[in-house]
Structures are given as C-alpha cells and as structure tokens.
Amino acid sequence: MRENRVPPRVVVFLWPAIDGLLRLIYHIKPLRADGGGIICVNLHCYKGPTRVLGDGCQVRSGDTVIELHLNNAWFRSRRNLNLGASQSPKEFLGCFAQDLRFLAHQMNGAMLGNATALHGITLLDAAAIRLGFQVDELPDSWWKKGTRFYMAGLMQAYHLRPGHATKSKRKAWELREVWLSKTALLARYGQECP
C-alpha cells in the first residue's frame, strides 16, 4: 500500500489561507450567488490534446471547460455549526448532486452555455463515480505528487477524512482526473428542478 503523504497537523492551519489565495489567482467562484453550495467553478480554455469521453463527447483544444472545485467554506460552515456533514458521505453526495442539478439549469445561460464539459481533479474518485463522472488515471509526475499533498492537507484541514481511522484502515489517497460531458450532465441532472 502506498503511504499517504499529508502535511503535519501543525502546519495544516495554513492551508485555508493558501487555498484562498489560489482561489483569487485562478478566479474560482462559488457556483451559487449566495456562496452556499458545495461546488465552486472557474471557466477556462482547454489546451490539451483532444479527449474523447466515455459518451463520445470530444473535448478539443480551445473548448470552454468548467473546472469544478469543492467550496471549502461549505465544509467550514458545517464544522462551525457542529454539523456532521463533512463526515457524512450521504449528505456530501446529496449536496453535490443538488449543485449539479443547479449547474445543469445554468447551462442555458450565456456564460456557461458554451461549455463542452465539466472537469476536476480529486482524491474522492469513488464519490465522483457515484455522481456519474468518468474517472481517469493521471500520469505520475511531480505536479501530481505536489497536488496530492496539497489536497490531502485541505482534506485534513476541513476534516474530510475520519480522524479516528488508523493508517492501516485508510485507503491510499490517489489523485484522479474526472470528466462529465455537458450532454451527460443535462441527461442526468437537467430534468429535475434545482
């Protein structure tokens, strides 16, 4: 089993500040105007090679892609209210699905309407599969190792992993790439009201 590399608890308090700075730099905004949802987004122009997703959707260089991020303020507010949401996979998945329904209804707007697909990088690949995302491996690189370390620190800072689990019971945190085409999003989440 690969050893999980996480930052020492004494420096984890820095992660929210670093995360806030990165969100400013990359223009990552909450999906909902009130900031209350679990998803944050930023739009960017895809620059990689053509990707053919499982449903046949092609994401080409130059296409607009909606990059998904967790809204860490959502987890912080739950923790401050002593709600167990950050420990409850069922509530986490339900809230994420609710925001995906909201996003599907926003896809008719001018800003999001021309997006080809949703994309993200996650340590929570099992949850992504349950939500309908295609999960792909990322090649080993220093970027992947650094990002995994950073995201593991965020999970620790926002209590997204049970603190009582022993190292032997924890699954290794693997960084994965997730995709969901606009067509798949609308088919799965566009029929219900947000």
N, C-alpha and C. Protein backbone atom coordinates (compact mmCIF):
# COMPACT_ATOMS: atom_id res chain seq x y z
N MET A 1 0.85 -1.18 0.00
CA MET A 1 0.00 0.00 0.00
C MET A 1 0.89 1.24 0.00
N ARG A 2 0.54 2.19 -0.85
CA ARG A 2 1.30 3.44 -0.92
C ARG A 2 1.03 4.25 0.34
N GLU A 3 2.08 4.79 0.90
CA GLU A 3 1.94 5.60 2.11
C GLU A 3 1.29 6.94 1.77
N ASN A 4 0.34 7.34 2.59
CA ASN A 4 -0.32 8.63 2.40
C ASN A 4 0.60 9.73 2.89
N ARG A 5 0.90 10.67 2.05
CA ARG A 5 1.70 11.82 2.44
C ARG A 5 0.76 12.98 2.73
N VAL A 6 0.73 13.39 3.97
CA VAL A 6 -0.08 14.53 4.37
C VAL A 6 0.80 15.48 5.15
N PRO A 7 0.47 16.76 5.10
CA PRO A 7 1.26 17.72 5.86
C PRO A 7 1.08 17.50 7.36
N PRO A 8 2.09 17.84 8.15
CA PRO A 8 1.96 17.73 9.61
C PRO A 8 0.81 18.62 10.10
N ARG A 9 0.11 18.15 11.11
CA ARG A 9 -1.05 18.89 11.65
C ARG A 9 -0.68 20.31 12.08
N VAL A 10 0.55 20.52 12.52
CA VAL A 10 0.92 21.87 12.99
C VAL A 10 0.91 22.91 11.88
N VAL A 11 1.06 22.50 10.62
CA VAL A 11 1.04 23.48 9.53
C VAL A 11 -0.26 23.48 8.74
N VAL A 12 -1.17 22.56 9.07
CA VAL A 12 -2.43 22.48 8.32
C VAL A 12 -3.25 23.76 8.46
N PHE A 13 -3.06 24.51 9.53
CA PHE A 13 -3.81 25.75 9.70
C PHE A 13 -3.49 26.75 8.58
N LEU A 14 -2.37 26.59 7.87
CA LEU A 14 -2.02 27.47 6.76
C LEU A 14 -2.80 27.15 5.49
N TRP A 15 -3.29 25.94 5.38
CA TRP A 15 -3.93 25.50 4.13
C TRP A 15 -5.12 26.37 3.72
N PRO A 16 -6.03 26.73 4.62
CA PRO A 16 -7.14 27.60 4.19
C PRO A 16 -6.66 28.94 3.62
N ALA A 17 -5.61 29.52 4.18
CA ALA A 17 -5.09 30.79 3.65
C ALA A 17 -4.48 30.59 2.26
N ILE A 18 -3.73 29.51 2.09
CA ILE A 18 -3.15 29.20 0.78
C ILE A 18 -4.26 28.94 -0.23
N ASP A 19 -5.27 28.19 0.19
CA ASP A 19 -6.41 27.89 -0.67
C ASP A 19 -7.12 29.17 -1.10
N GLY A 20 -7.32 30.09 -0.18
CA GLY A 20 -7.97 31.36 -0.51
C GLY A 20 -7.18 32.16 -1.53
N LEU A 21 -5.87 32.16 -1.38
CA LEU A 21 -5.01 32.87 -2.33
C LEU A 21 -5.10 32.24 -3.72
N LEU A 22 -5.06 30.91 -3.80
CA LEU A 22 -5.17 30.23 -5.08
C LEU A 22 -6.53 30.49 -5.74
N ARG A 23 -7.58 30.56 -4.95
CA ARG A 23 -8.91 30.84 -5.49
C ARG A 23 -8.97 32.25 -6.09
N LEU A 24 -8.30 33.19 -5.46
CA LEU A 24 -8.22 34.55 -6.02
C LEU A 24 -7.44 34.56 -7.33
N ILE A 25 -6.30 33.91 -7.35
CA ILE A 25 -5.44 33.89 -8.54
C ILE A 25 -6.16 33.26 -9.73
N TYR A 26 -6.85 32.15 -9.49
CA TYR A 26 -7.49 31.41 -10.58
C TYR A 26 -8.97 31.76 -10.79
N HIS A 27 -9.46 32.80 -10.11
CA HIS A 27 -10.83 33.28 -10.27
C HIS A 27 -11.87 32.18 -10.03
N ILE A 28 -11.65 31.42 -8.97
CA ILE A 28 -12.57 30.35 -8.59
C ILE A 28 -13.67 30.96 -7.73
N LYS A 29 -14.91 30.80 -8.18
CA LYS A 29 -16.06 31.42 -7.52
C LYS A 29 -17.08 30.36 -7.13
N PRO A 30 -17.84 30.60 -6.07
CA PRO A 30 -18.93 29.68 -5.73
C PRO A 30 -19.94 29.60 -6.88
N LEU A 31 -20.48 28.44 -7.10
CA LEU A 31 -21.47 28.24 -8.16
C LEU A 31 -22.72 29.08 -7.89
N ARG A 32 -23.16 29.09 -6.66
CA ARG A 32 -24.36 29.83 -6.28
C ARG A 32 -23.98 31.24 -5.80
N ALA A 33 -24.80 32.19 -6.17
CA ALA A 33 -24.52 33.59 -5.83
C ALA A 33 -24.40 33.81 -4.32
N ASP A 34 -25.15 33.04 -3.53
CA ASP A 34 -25.10 33.21 -2.08
C ASP A 34 -23.91 32.48 -1.44
N GLY A 35 -23.13 31.77 -2.25
CA GLY A 35 -21.96 31.06 -1.75
C GLY A 35 -22.28 29.83 -0.92
N GLY A 36 -23.55 29.44 -0.88
CA GLY A 36 -23.97 28.35 -0.01
C GLY A 36 -23.81 26.95 -0.54
N GLY A 37 -23.52 26.79 -1.80
CA GLY A 37 -23.40 25.45 -2.37
C GLY A 37 -22.06 24.80 -2.08
N ILE A 38 -21.95 23.54 -2.45
CA ILE A 38 -20.73 22.77 -2.20
C ILE A 38 -19.72 22.88 -3.35
N ILE A 39 -20.19 23.41 -4.50
CA ILE A 39 -19.33 23.50 -5.69
C ILE A 39 -18.89 24.93 -5.94
N CYS A 40 -17.62 25.08 -6.30
CA CYS A 40 -17.08 26.31 -6.86
C CYS A 40 -16.64 25.98 -8.28
N VAL A 41 -16.59 27.01 -9.13
CA VAL A 41 -16.24 26.79 -10.54
C VAL A 41 -15.31 27.88 -11.03
N ASN A 42 -14.59 27.54 -12.09
CA ASN A 42 -13.96 28.55 -12.92
C ASN A 42 -13.97 28.03 -14.35
N LEU A 43 -14.10 28.95 -15.29
CA LEU A 43 -14.11 28.60 -16.70
C LEU A 43 -12.71 28.76 -17.25
N HIS A 44 -12.31 27.83 -18.09
CA HIS A 44 -11.03 28.01 -18.75
C HIS A 44 -11.07 27.35 -20.11
N CYS A 45 -10.11 27.72 -20.91
CA CYS A 45 -9.98 27.20 -22.26
C CYS A 45 -9.10 25.95 -22.20
N TYR A 46 -9.64 24.82 -22.64
CA TYR A 46 -8.90 23.56 -22.62
C TYR A 46 -7.74 23.64 -23.61
N LYS A 47 -6.55 23.25 -23.18
CA LYS A 47 -5.36 23.36 -24.02
C LYS A 47 -4.68 22.02 -24.32
N GLY A 48 -5.27 20.94 -23.88
CA GLY A 48 -4.63 19.64 -24.07
C GLY A 48 -5.00 19.00 -25.40
N PRO A 49 -4.56 17.76 -25.58
CA PRO A 49 -4.94 17.02 -26.79
C PRO A 49 -6.43 16.67 -26.74
N THR A 50 -7.01 16.38 -27.88
CA THR A 50 -8.43 16.04 -27.94
C THR A 50 -8.71 14.85 -27.02
N ARG A 51 -9.73 15.02 -26.18
CA ARG A 51 -10.16 13.96 -25.25
C ARG A 51 -11.49 13.43 -25.73
N VAL A 52 -11.60 12.13 -25.85
CA VAL A 52 -12.87 11.52 -26.19
C VAL A 52 -13.40 10.89 -24.90
N LEU A 53 -14.52 11.41 -24.43
CA LEU A 53 -15.10 10.91 -23.18
C LEU A 53 -15.91 9.65 -23.45
N GLY A 54 -16.27 8.98 -22.40
CA GLY A 54 -16.98 7.70 -22.49
C GLY A 54 -18.27 7.74 -23.28
N ASP A 55 -18.94 8.91 -23.30
CA ASP A 55 -20.20 9.02 -24.04
C ASP A 55 -19.99 9.51 -25.47
N GLY A 56 -18.73 9.60 -25.89
CA GLY A 56 -18.42 10.02 -27.26
C GLY A 56 -18.15 11.51 -27.41
N CYS A 57 -18.40 12.29 -26.37
CA CYS A 57 -18.13 13.73 -26.43
C CYS A 57 -16.63 13.96 -26.65
N GLN A 58 -16.32 14.89 -27.55
CA GLN A 58 -14.91 15.24 -27.79
C GLN A 58 -14.64 16.62 -27.19
N VAL A 59 -13.62 16.68 -26.36
CA VAL A 59 -13.16 17.94 -25.80
C VAL A 59 -11.88 18.29 -26.55
N ARG A 60 -11.96 19.37 -27.34
CA ARG A 60 -10.84 19.76 -28.19
C ARG A 60 -10.13 20.98 -27.62
N SER A 61 -8.89 21.15 -28.02
CA SER A 61 -8.13 22.33 -27.63
C SER A 61 -8.91 23.58 -28.05
N GLY A 62 -9.07 24.51 -27.12
CA GLY A 62 -9.83 25.73 -27.39
C GLY A 62 -11.26 25.68 -26.86
N ASP A 63 -11.77 24.49 -26.52
CA ASP A 63 -13.12 24.38 -25.96
C ASP A 63 -13.17 24.97 -24.55
N THR A 64 -14.32 25.51 -24.19
CA THR A 64 -14.52 26.01 -22.83
C THR A 64 -14.88 24.83 -21.93
N VAL A 65 -14.18 24.74 -20.81
CA VAL A 65 -14.39 23.67 -19.83
C VAL A 65 -14.70 24.33 -18.49
N ILE A 66 -15.66 23.76 -17.76
CA ILE A 66 -15.97 24.24 -16.41
C ILE A 66 -15.16 23.40 -15.44
N GLU A 67 -14.23 24.05 -14.77
CA GLU A 67 -13.40 23.38 -13.78
C GLU A 67 -14.15 23.39 -12.45
N LEU A 68 -14.31 22.21 -11.83
CA LEU A 68 -15.02 22.09 -10.57
C LEU A 68 -14.06 22.06 -9.39
N HIS A 69 -14.46 22.71 -8.31
CA HIS A 69 -13.69 22.73 -7.07
C HIS A 69 -14.69 22.59 -5.92
N LEU A 70 -14.24 22.02 -4.83
CA LEU A 70 -15.10 22.00 -3.64
C LEU A 70 -15.09 23.38 -3.01
N ASN A 71 -16.24 23.78 -2.50
CA ASN A 71 -16.37 25.04 -1.78
C ASN A 71 -16.01 24.77 -0.32
N ASN A 72 -14.77 25.01 0.02
CA ASN A 72 -14.30 24.70 1.37
C ASN A 72 -15.02 25.50 2.44
N ALA A 73 -15.57 26.65 2.07
CA ALA A 73 -16.35 27.43 3.04
C ALA A 73 -17.59 26.65 3.48
N TRP A 74 -18.14 25.83 2.58
CA TRP A 74 -19.30 25.00 2.92
C TRP A 74 -18.93 24.04 4.05
N PHE A 75 -17.76 23.40 3.94
CA PHE A 75 -17.32 22.47 4.97
C PHE A 75 -17.01 23.21 6.28
N ARG A 76 -16.38 24.38 6.14
CA ARG A 76 -16.05 25.17 7.33
C ARG A 76 -17.32 25.58 8.07
N SER A 77 -18.35 26.02 7.34
CA SER A 77 -19.59 26.43 8.00
C SER A 77 -20.26 25.25 8.69
N ARG A 78 -20.21 24.06 8.09
CA ARG A 78 -20.78 22.86 8.72
C ARG A 78 -20.03 22.53 10.00
N ARG A 79 -18.71 22.63 9.94
CA ARG A 79 -17.91 22.33 11.12
C ARG A 79 -18.19 23.34 12.23
N ASN A 80 -18.29 24.63 11.87
CA ASN A 80 -18.56 25.67 12.87
C ASN A 80 -19.93 25.51 13.52
N LEU A 81 -20.88 24.95 12.78
CA LEU A 81 -22.22 24.71 13.32
C LEU A 81 -22.33 23.34 13.99
N ASN A 82 -21.22 22.62 14.07
CA ASN A 82 -21.16 21.28 14.64
C ASN A 82 -22.07 20.30 13.90
N LEU A 83 -22.22 20.51 12.60
CA LEU A 83 -22.98 19.56 11.79
C LEU A 83 -22.02 18.50 11.29
N GLY A 84 -22.48 17.29 11.18
CA GLY A 84 -21.61 16.20 10.76
C GLY A 84 -21.48 16.06 9.26
N ALA A 85 -21.84 17.10 8.50
CA ALA A 85 -21.87 16.98 7.04
C ALA A 85 -20.51 16.65 6.46
N SER A 86 -19.45 17.17 7.05
CA SER A 86 -18.14 16.89 6.46
C SER A 86 -17.72 15.45 6.69
N GLN A 87 -18.43 14.73 7.54
CA GLN A 87 -18.14 13.32 7.77
C GLN A 87 -19.18 12.40 7.14
N SER A 88 -20.24 12.95 6.58
CA SER A 88 -21.34 12.15 6.08
C SER A 88 -21.28 12.04 4.55
N PRO A 89 -20.84 10.90 4.03
CA PRO A 89 -20.78 10.74 2.57
C PRO A 89 -22.15 10.90 1.91
N LYS A 90 -23.20 10.46 2.58
CA LYS A 90 -24.54 10.56 2.00
C LYS A 90 -24.94 12.03 1.82
N GLU A 91 -24.71 12.85 2.84
CA GLU A 91 -25.06 14.26 2.73
C GLU A 91 -24.16 14.96 1.71
N PHE A 92 -22.87 14.62 1.73
CA PHE A 92 -21.92 15.19 0.78
C PHE A 92 -22.38 14.92 -0.66
N LEU A 93 -22.72 13.66 -0.96
CA LEU A 93 -23.16 13.30 -2.31
C LEU A 93 -24.48 13.98 -2.65
N GLY A 94 -25.40 14.05 -1.70
CA GLY A 94 -26.68 14.70 -1.95
C GLY A 94 -26.52 16.18 -2.27
N CYS A 95 -25.68 16.87 -1.52
CA CYS A 95 -25.45 18.29 -1.77
C CYS A 95 -24.74 18.52 -3.10
N PHE A 96 -23.79 17.64 -3.43
CA PHE A 96 -23.08 17.76 -4.70
C PHE A 96 -24.04 17.54 -5.86
N ALA A 97 -24.91 16.53 -5.75
CA ALA A 97 -25.90 16.25 -6.80
C ALA A 97 -26.86 17.43 -6.95
N GLN A 98 -27.24 18.03 -5.83
CA GLN A 98 -28.13 19.20 -5.87
C GLN A 98 -27.46 20.34 -6.63
N ASP A 99 -26.17 20.59 -6.39
CA ASP A 99 -25.46 21.64 -7.11
C ASP A 99 -25.27 21.27 -8.59
N LEU A 100 -25.12 19.99 -8.90
CA LEU A 100 -25.03 19.59 -10.31
C LEU A 100 -26.36 19.85 -11.02
N ARG A 101 -27.47 19.64 -10.34
CA ARG A 101 -28.78 19.97 -10.92
C ARG A 101 -28.87 21.47 -11.18
N PHE A 102 -28.42 22.27 -10.21
CA PHE A 102 -28.40 23.72 -10.36
C PHE A 102 -27.53 24.11 -11.55
N LEU A 103 -26.35 23.51 -11.65
CA LEU A 103 -25.43 23.80 -12.76
C LEU A 103 -26.05 23.41 -14.10
N ALA A 104 -26.73 22.26 -14.15
CA ALA A 104 -27.38 21.83 -15.39
C ALA A 104 -28.39 22.88 -15.86
N HIS A 105 -29.11 23.49 -14.93
CA HIS A 105 -30.09 24.51 -15.30
C HIS A 105 -29.41 25.82 -15.70
N GLN A 106 -28.19 26.04 -15.23
CA GLN A 106 -27.44 27.24 -15.61
C GLN A 106 -26.80 27.11 -16.99
N MET A 107 -26.75 25.91 -17.52
CA MET A 107 -26.07 25.68 -18.80
C MET A 107 -26.79 26.36 -19.96
N ASN A 108 -28.00 26.85 -19.76
CA ASN A 108 -28.70 27.58 -20.82
C ASN A 108 -28.28 29.04 -20.88
N GLY A 109 -27.57 29.51 -19.86
CA GLY A 109 -27.14 30.91 -19.82
C GLY A 109 -25.97 31.17 -20.74
N ALA A 110 -25.73 32.43 -21.04
CA ALA A 110 -24.67 32.81 -21.96
C ALA A 110 -23.29 32.44 -21.43
N MET A 111 -23.08 32.57 -20.12
CA MET A 111 -21.74 32.33 -19.58
C MET A 111 -21.36 30.85 -19.60
N LEU A 112 -22.28 29.98 -19.20
CA LEU A 112 -21.95 28.56 -19.10
C LEU A 112 -22.42 27.76 -20.31
N GLY A 113 -23.28 28.35 -21.13
CA GLY A 113 -23.91 27.62 -22.22
C GLY A 113 -22.95 27.06 -23.27
N ASN A 114 -21.79 27.69 -23.45
CA ASN A 114 -20.88 27.20 -24.48
C ASN A 114 -19.84 26.22 -23.94
N ALA A 115 -19.95 25.81 -22.71
CA ALA A 115 -19.01 24.85 -22.13
C ALA A 115 -19.26 23.46 -22.72
N THR A 116 -18.18 22.75 -22.96
CA THR A 116 -18.25 21.41 -23.53
C THR A 116 -18.38 20.34 -22.46
N ALA A 117 -17.69 20.55 -21.33
CA ALA A 117 -17.64 19.51 -20.30
C ALA A 117 -17.27 20.11 -18.96
N LEU A 118 -17.48 19.29 -17.92
CA LEU A 118 -17.01 19.60 -16.57
C LEU A 118 -15.74 18.81 -16.35
N HIS A 119 -14.81 19.38 -15.61
CA HIS A 119 -13.54 18.71 -15.35
C HIS A 119 -13.12 18.99 -13.93
N GLY A 120 -12.42 18.06 -13.33
CA GLY A 120 -11.88 18.27 -12.00
C GLY A 120 -10.76 17.31 -11.70
N ILE A 121 -10.05 17.60 -10.64
CA ILE A 121 -9.01 16.74 -10.10
C ILE A 121 -9.43 16.45 -8.67
N THR A 122 -9.42 15.18 -8.27
CA THR A 122 -9.97 14.84 -6.96
C THR A 122 -9.25 13.67 -6.31
N LEU A 123 -9.36 13.63 -5.01
CA LEU A 123 -8.97 12.46 -4.22
C LEU A 123 -10.21 11.62 -3.90
N LEU A 124 -11.39 12.13 -4.23
CA LEU A 124 -12.65 11.49 -3.90
C LEU A 124 -13.25 10.82 -5.14
N ASP A 125 -12.48 9.94 -5.77
CA ASP A 125 -12.91 9.36 -7.05
C ASP A 125 -14.12 8.44 -6.89
N ALA A 126 -14.26 7.75 -5.77
CA ALA A 126 -15.43 6.87 -5.58
C ALA A 126 -16.71 7.70 -5.57
N ALA A 127 -16.68 8.86 -4.93
CA ALA A 127 -17.84 9.75 -4.92
C ALA A 127 -18.12 10.26 -6.32
N ALA A 128 -17.07 10.60 -7.07
CA ALA A 128 -17.25 11.11 -8.44
C ALA A 128 -17.92 10.07 -9.34
N ILE A 129 -17.55 8.80 -9.19
CA ILE A 129 -18.16 7.73 -9.98
C ILE A 129 -19.65 7.64 -9.66
N ARG A 130 -20.00 7.71 -8.39
CA ARG A 130 -21.42 7.63 -7.99
C ARG A 130 -22.22 8.80 -8.53
N LEU A 131 -21.56 9.94 -8.77
CA LEU A 131 -22.24 11.11 -9.30
C LEU A 131 -22.29 11.11 -10.83
N GLY A 132 -21.69 10.09 -11.47
CA GLY A 132 -21.76 9.96 -12.92
C GLY A 132 -20.54 10.42 -13.69
N PHE A 133 -19.48 10.79 -12.99
CA PHE A 133 -18.28 11.25 -13.68
C PHE A 133 -17.45 10.09 -14.21
N GLN A 134 -16.77 10.36 -15.30
CA GLN A 134 -15.75 9.44 -15.81
C GLN A 134 -14.48 9.74 -15.03
N VAL A 135 -13.83 8.70 -14.53
CA VAL A 135 -12.62 8.88 -13.73
C VAL A 135 -11.44 8.30 -14.50
N ASP A 136 -10.39 9.11 -14.66
CA ASP A 136 -9.19 8.69 -15.38
C ASP A 136 -7.97 8.80 -14.49
N GLU A 137 -7.01 7.93 -14.75
CA GLU A 137 -5.73 7.98 -14.05
C GLU A 137 -4.94 9.19 -14.53
N LEU A 138 -4.11 9.72 -13.67
CA LEU A 138 -3.16 10.77 -14.04
C LEU A 138 -1.77 10.16 -14.08
N PRO A 139 -0.95 10.56 -15.04
CA PRO A 139 0.41 10.02 -15.07
C PRO A 139 1.21 10.49 -13.85
N ASP A 140 2.12 9.65 -13.38
CA ASP A 140 2.96 10.05 -12.26
C ASP A 140 3.84 11.23 -12.68
N SER A 141 3.86 12.24 -11.84
CA SER A 141 4.68 13.42 -12.09
C SER A 141 4.86 14.16 -10.77
N TRP A 142 5.77 15.13 -10.77
CA TRP A 142 5.95 15.95 -9.58
C TRP A 142 4.71 16.79 -9.32
N TRP A 143 4.04 17.25 -10.40
CA TRP A 143 2.80 18.01 -10.25
C TRP A 143 1.76 17.17 -9.52
N LYS A 144 1.61 15.91 -9.91
CA LYS A 144 0.63 15.03 -9.28
C LYS A 144 0.96 14.83 -7.80
N LYS A 145 2.22 14.61 -7.49
CA LYS A 145 2.62 14.40 -6.09
C LYS A 145 2.37 15.65 -5.26
N GLY A 146 2.73 16.81 -5.80
CA GLY A 146 2.52 18.06 -5.08
C GLY A 146 1.04 18.37 -4.88
N THR A 147 0.25 18.13 -5.91
CA THR A 147 -1.18 18.39 -5.82
C THR A 147 -1.84 17.43 -4.84
N ARG A 148 -1.43 16.17 -4.86
CA ARG A 148 -1.99 15.20 -3.91
C ARG A 148 -1.67 15.62 -2.48
N PHE A 149 -0.44 16.06 -2.22
CA PHE A 149 -0.02 16.52 -0.91
C PHE A 149 -0.86 17.72 -0.47
N TYR A 150 -1.04 18.69 -1.39
CA TYR A 150 -1.82 19.88 -1.09
C TYR A 150 -3.28 19.52 -0.79
N MET A 151 -3.88 18.68 -1.64
CA MET A 151 -5.29 18.32 -1.45
C MET A 151 -5.49 17.46 -0.20
N ALA A 152 -4.53 16.61 0.12
CA ALA A 152 -4.62 15.83 1.36
C ALA A 152 -4.59 16.77 2.57
N GLY A 153 -3.81 17.84 2.48
CA GLY A 153 -3.79 18.84 3.55
C GLY A 153 -5.12 19.56 3.68
N LEU A 154 -5.74 19.88 2.53
CA LEU A 154 -7.06 20.51 2.57
C LEU A 154 -8.09 19.59 3.21
N MET A 155 -8.04 18.31 2.84
CA MET A 155 -8.98 17.35 3.42
C MET A 155 -8.79 17.26 4.93
N GLN A 156 -7.54 17.31 5.35
CA GLN A 156 -7.24 17.26 6.77
C GLN A 156 -7.73 18.55 7.45
N ALA A 157 -7.48 19.69 6.82
CA ALA A 157 -7.88 20.98 7.40
C ALA A 157 -9.40 21.10 7.55
N TYR A 158 -10.12 20.54 6.59
CA TYR A 158 -11.58 20.65 6.61
C TYR A 158 -12.25 19.39 7.12
N HIS A 159 -11.47 18.49 7.71
CA HIS A 159 -12.00 17.28 8.35
C HIS A 159 -12.81 16.42 7.39
N LEU A 160 -12.27 16.20 6.20
CA LEU A 160 -12.97 15.37 5.23
C LEU A 160 -12.60 13.91 5.32
N ARG A 161 -11.68 13.57 6.20
CA ARG A 161 -11.34 12.17 6.45
C ARG A 161 -11.57 11.91 7.92
N PRO A 162 -12.14 10.78 8.28
CA PRO A 162 -12.34 10.50 9.70
C PRO A 162 -11.02 10.49 10.46
N GLY A 163 -10.94 11.28 11.51
CA GLY A 163 -9.71 11.36 12.28
C GLY A 163 -9.41 10.11 13.07
N HIS A 164 -10.43 9.29 13.33
CA HIS A 164 -10.23 8.12 14.17
C HIS A 164 -9.74 6.91 13.37
N ALA A 165 -9.73 6.99 12.02
CA ALA A 165 -9.29 5.84 11.22
C ALA A 165 -7.79 5.66 11.38
N THR A 166 -7.39 4.44 11.56
CA THR A 166 -5.96 4.18 11.67
C THR A 166 -5.34 4.15 10.30
N LYS A 167 -4.02 4.33 10.25
CA LYS A 167 -3.33 4.33 8.97
C LYS A 167 -3.54 3.04 8.21
N SER A 168 -3.62 1.93 8.91
CA SER A 168 -3.78 0.65 8.23
C SER A 168 -5.16 0.51 7.59
N LYS A 169 -6.16 1.26 8.09
CA LYS A 169 -7.51 1.17 7.53
C LYS A 169 -7.74 2.18 6.41
N ARG A 170 -6.89 3.18 6.28
CA ARG A 170 -7.10 4.22 5.27
C ARG A 170 -6.65 3.75 3.90
N LYS A 171 -7.49 4.02 2.93
CA LYS A 171 -7.14 3.78 1.54
C LYS A 171 -6.15 4.87 1.12
N ALA A 172 -5.16 4.50 0.33
CA ALA A 172 -4.20 5.50 -0.15
C ALA A 172 -4.94 6.56 -0.96
N TRP A 173 -4.58 7.81 -0.75
CA TRP A 173 -5.19 8.90 -1.47
C TRP A 173 -4.57 8.98 -2.85
N GLU A 174 -5.34 8.67 -3.85
CA GLU A 174 -4.88 8.73 -5.23
C GLU A 174 -5.55 9.89 -5.93
N LEU A 175 -4.77 10.69 -6.58
CA LEU A 175 -5.29 11.81 -7.34
C LEU A 175 -5.80 11.31 -8.68
N ARG A 176 -7.03 11.66 -9.02
CA ARG A 176 -7.64 11.24 -10.27
C ARG A 176 -8.22 12.46 -11.00
N GLU A 177 -8.36 12.29 -12.29
CA GLU A 177 -8.97 13.31 -13.14
C GLU A 177 -10.41 12.87 -13.41
N VAL A 178 -11.37 13.79 -13.32
CA VAL A 178 -12.77 13.44 -13.56
C VAL A 178 -13.34 14.33 -14.65
N TRP A 179 -14.21 13.74 -15.47
CA TRP A 179 -14.85 14.42 -16.59
C TRP A 179 -16.33 14.09 -16.61
N LEU A 180 -17.13 15.05 -17.03
CA LEU A 180 -18.55 14.82 -17.29
C LEU A 180 -18.92 15.75 -18.44
N SER A 181 -19.37 15.17 -19.54
CA SER A 181 -19.74 16.00 -20.69
C SER A 181 -20.99 16.80 -20.38
N LYS A 182 -21.17 17.88 -21.12
CA LYS A 182 -22.38 18.70 -20.97
C LYS A 182 -23.61 17.84 -21.26
N THR A 183 -23.54 17.00 -22.28
CA THR A 183 -24.66 16.13 -22.64
C THR A 183 -25.02 15.20 -21.49
N ALA A 184 -23.99 14.59 -20.87
CA ALA A 184 -24.23 13.67 -19.75
C ALA A 184 -24.77 14.43 -18.54
N LEU A 185 -24.26 15.62 -18.29
CA LEU A 185 -24.76 16.44 -17.18
C LEU A 185 -26.25 16.73 -17.36
N LEU A 186 -26.62 17.18 -18.57
CA LEU A 186 -28.02 17.53 -18.83
C LEU A 186 -28.93 16.31 -18.79
N ALA A 187 -28.42 15.17 -19.28
CA ALA A 187 -29.23 13.95 -19.26
C ALA A 187 -29.48 13.46 -17.83
N ARG A 188 -28.47 13.56 -17.00
CA ARG A 188 -28.58 13.02 -15.63
C ARG A 188 -29.20 14.01 -14.66
N TYR A 189 -28.88 15.30 -14.79
CA TYR A 189 -29.27 16.29 -13.80
C TYR A 189 -30.18 17.40 -14.32
N GLY A 190 -30.41 17.46 -15.62
CA GLY A 190 -31.16 18.56 -16.19
C GLY A 190 -32.66 18.41 -16.13
N GLN A 191 -33.16 17.25 -15.78
CA GLN A 191 -34.61 17.01 -15.80
C GLN A 191 -35.29 17.44 -14.49
N GLU A 192 -34.51 17.54 -13.42
CA GLU A 192 -35.10 17.87 -12.12
C GLU A 192 -34.88 19.35 -11.82
N CYS A 193 -35.78 19.93 -11.09
CA CYS A 193 -35.62 21.32 -10.66
C CYS A 193 -34.53 21.40 -9.60
N PRO A 194 -33.72 22.47 -9.63
CA PRO A 194 -32.66 22.60 -8.61
C PRO A 194 -33.21 22.87 -7.23
